[in-house]
Amino acid sequence: MLTAEEVHGMTGVPVSTLHDWAAKRERGIDAPGPHHIRLSNRHRRWTRRDVDQWIESARI
């Protein structure tokens, strides 16, 4: 399980953007970025597999 800081380190996407995308998904709005797991109201995590798949899907 990766924190937003760790995902930022892998992707370069700002932490605030990762949380914004995650919040949109939680409200049912389509958003880019890797899927996440919501552990509580204050904690989100990303799996390395989801992040790797998202990165791979962005390849041109």
N, C-alpha and C. Protein backbone atom coordinates (compact mmCIF):
# COMPACT_ATOMS: atom_id res chain seq x y z
N MET A 1 0.84 -1.17 0.00
CA MET A 1 0.00 0.00 0.00
C MET A 1 0.89 1.24 0.00
N LEU A 2 0.60 2.13 -0.90
CA LEU A 2 1.41 3.33 -1.08
C LEU A 2 0.66 4.57 -0.59
N THR A 3 1.38 5.49 -0.01
CA THR A 3 0.80 6.77 0.38
C THR A 3 0.79 7.69 -0.85
N ALA A 4 0.10 8.80 -0.74
CA ALA A 4 0.09 9.78 -1.82
C ALA A 4 1.50 10.30 -2.10
N GLU A 5 2.30 10.46 -1.06
CA GLU A 5 3.69 10.91 -1.25
C GLU A 5 4.48 9.90 -2.07
N GLU A 6 4.27 8.62 -1.80
CA GLU A 6 4.99 7.59 -2.55
C GLU A 6 4.52 7.53 -4.00
N VAL A 7 3.21 7.69 -4.22
CA VAL A 7 2.70 7.72 -5.59
C VAL A 7 3.25 8.94 -6.31
N HIS A 8 3.31 10.07 -5.63
CA HIS A 8 3.92 11.27 -6.20
C HIS A 8 5.35 10.99 -6.64
N GLY A 9 6.12 10.30 -5.80
CA GLY A 9 7.50 9.97 -6.13
C GLY A 9 7.62 9.09 -7.37
N MET A 10 6.64 8.23 -7.58
CA MET A 10 6.66 7.33 -8.74
C MET A 10 6.18 8.02 -10.01
N THR A 11 5.25 8.97 -9.87
CA THR A 11 4.58 9.52 -11.05
C THR A 11 4.88 10.99 -11.31
N GLY A 12 5.25 11.72 -10.27
CA GLY A 12 5.43 13.16 -10.42
C GLY A 12 4.13 13.94 -10.30
N VAL A 13 3.01 13.24 -10.11
CA VAL A 13 1.71 13.91 -9.96
C VAL A 13 1.65 14.50 -8.55
N PRO A 14 1.31 15.78 -8.41
CA PRO A 14 1.26 16.40 -7.08
C PRO A 14 0.30 15.66 -6.14
N VAL A 15 0.65 15.63 -4.87
CA VAL A 15 -0.16 14.96 -3.86
C VAL A 15 -1.58 15.53 -3.86
N SER A 16 -1.71 16.83 -3.96
CA SER A 16 -3.04 17.45 -3.93
C SER A 16 -3.88 16.99 -5.12
N THR A 17 -3.25 16.79 -6.27
CA THR A 17 -3.97 16.31 -7.45
C THR A 17 -4.42 14.87 -7.25
N LEU A 18 -3.57 14.03 -6.68
CA LEU A 18 -3.96 12.64 -6.41
C LEU A 18 -5.18 12.60 -5.50
N HIS A 19 -5.18 13.42 -4.46
CA HIS A 19 -6.32 13.46 -3.54
C HIS A 19 -7.56 14.04 -4.22
N ASP A 20 -7.38 15.01 -5.09
CA ASP A 20 -8.51 15.59 -5.81
C ASP A 20 -9.14 14.53 -6.72
N TRP A 21 -8.32 13.80 -7.47
CA TRP A 21 -8.84 12.74 -8.33
C TRP A 21 -9.56 11.69 -7.51
N ALA A 22 -8.98 11.31 -6.39
CA ALA A 22 -9.58 10.29 -5.53
C ALA A 22 -10.93 10.76 -4.99
N ALA A 23 -11.00 12.01 -4.56
CA ALA A 23 -12.24 12.56 -4.03
C ALA A 23 -13.33 12.58 -5.11
N LYS A 24 -12.96 12.92 -6.32
CA LYS A 24 -13.93 12.91 -7.42
C LYS A 24 -14.47 11.50 -7.65
N ARG A 25 -13.58 10.52 -7.68
CA ARG A 25 -14.02 9.13 -7.85
C ARG A 25 -14.97 8.71 -6.73
N GLU A 26 -14.65 9.12 -5.51
CA GLU A 26 -15.51 8.77 -4.38
C GLU A 26 -16.90 9.37 -4.51
N ARG A 27 -17.02 10.47 -5.24
CA ARG A 27 -18.33 11.11 -5.46
C ARG A 27 -18.98 10.60 -6.74
N GLY A 28 -18.34 9.63 -7.41
CA GLY A 28 -18.91 9.05 -8.62
C GLY A 28 -18.60 9.81 -9.89
N ILE A 29 -17.63 10.71 -9.82
CA ILE A 29 -17.22 11.50 -10.98
C ILE A 29 -16.00 10.82 -11.62
N ASP A 30 -16.02 10.66 -12.93
CA ASP A 30 -14.89 10.07 -13.63
C ASP A 30 -13.67 10.96 -13.47
N ALA A 31 -12.54 10.35 -13.13
CA ALA A 31 -11.31 11.12 -12.93
C ALA A 31 -10.12 10.29 -13.39
N PRO A 32 -9.06 10.95 -13.83
CA PRO A 32 -7.86 10.21 -14.23
C PRO A 32 -7.11 9.69 -13.00
N GLY A 33 -5.99 9.07 -13.26
CA GLY A 33 -5.13 8.62 -12.18
C GLY A 33 -5.40 7.19 -11.76
N PRO A 34 -4.50 6.66 -10.96
CA PRO A 34 -4.66 5.29 -10.49
C PRO A 34 -5.80 5.17 -9.48
N HIS A 35 -6.44 4.02 -9.47
CA HIS A 35 -7.49 3.77 -8.48
C HIS A 35 -6.87 3.70 -7.09
N HIS A 36 -7.68 3.95 -6.09
CA HIS A 36 -7.18 3.99 -4.71
C HIS A 36 -8.10 3.18 -3.80
N ILE A 37 -7.65 3.02 -2.57
CA ILE A 37 -8.43 2.37 -1.53
C ILE A 37 -8.63 3.39 -0.42
N ARG A 38 -9.87 3.55 0.01
CA ARG A 38 -10.15 4.49 1.09
C ARG A 38 -10.19 3.71 2.40
N LEU A 39 -9.24 3.94 3.26
CA LEU A 39 -9.15 3.23 4.52
C LEU A 39 -10.02 3.86 5.60
N SER A 40 -10.19 5.17 5.53
CA SER A 40 -11.02 5.90 6.48
C SER A 40 -11.30 7.27 5.87
N ASN A 41 -11.97 8.13 6.62
CA ASN A 41 -12.25 9.48 6.12
C ASN A 41 -10.98 10.28 5.86
N ARG A 42 -9.90 9.90 6.52
CA ARG A 42 -8.67 10.67 6.42
C ARG A 42 -7.52 9.94 5.75
N HIS A 43 -7.72 8.68 5.37
CA HIS A 43 -6.60 7.90 4.84
C HIS A 43 -6.97 7.19 3.55
N ARG A 44 -6.15 7.45 2.54
CA ARG A 44 -6.26 6.76 1.25
C ARG A 44 -4.92 6.10 0.97
N ARG A 45 -5.00 4.98 0.27
CA ARG A 45 -3.78 4.30 -0.16
C ARG A 45 -3.97 3.80 -1.58
N TRP A 46 -2.87 3.60 -2.27
CA TRP A 46 -2.84 3.10 -3.63
C TRP A 46 -2.02 1.82 -3.64
N THR A 47 -2.41 0.85 -4.44
CA THR A 47 -1.60 -0.35 -4.56
C THR A 47 -0.55 -0.12 -5.64
N ARG A 48 0.59 -0.71 -5.46
CA ARG A 48 1.66 -0.58 -6.46
C ARG A 48 1.16 -1.09 -7.81
N ARG A 49 0.39 -2.16 -7.78
CA ARG A 49 -0.13 -2.73 -9.03
C ARG A 49 -1.00 -1.72 -9.77
N ASP A 50 -1.92 -1.05 -9.06
CA ASP A 50 -2.79 -0.06 -9.71
C ASP A 50 -1.97 1.10 -10.27
N VAL A 51 -0.98 1.54 -9.53
CA VAL A 51 -0.14 2.65 -10.01
C VAL A 51 0.65 2.21 -11.24
N ASP A 52 1.26 1.03 -11.17
CA ASP A 52 2.01 0.51 -12.32
C ASP A 52 1.13 0.36 -13.54
N GLN A 53 -0.09 -0.16 -13.36
CA GLN A 53 -1.01 -0.32 -14.48
C GLN A 53 -1.40 1.02 -15.06
N TRP A 54 -1.62 2.02 -14.22
CA TRP A 54 -1.98 3.35 -14.70
C TRP A 54 -0.83 3.95 -15.51
N ILE A 55 0.38 3.79 -15.01
CA ILE A 55 1.55 4.30 -15.72
C ILE A 55 1.66 3.60 -17.08
N GLU A 56 1.51 2.30 -17.09
CA GLU A 56 1.62 1.53 -18.33
C GLU A 56 0.54 1.95 -19.33
N SER A 57 -0.67 2.22 -18.83
CA SER A 57 -1.76 2.61 -19.72
C SER A 57 -1.53 3.98 -20.35
N ALA A 58 -0.67 4.78 -19.76
CA ALA A 58 -0.40 6.12 -20.28
C ALA A 58 0.69 6.13 -21.35
N ARG A 59 1.32 4.98 -21.54
CA ARG A 59 2.39 4.90 -22.55
C ARG A 59 1.83 5.12 -23.94
N ILE A 60 2.61 5.80 -24.75
CA ILE A 60 2.19 6.06 -26.14
C ILE A 60 3.09 5.26 -27.07
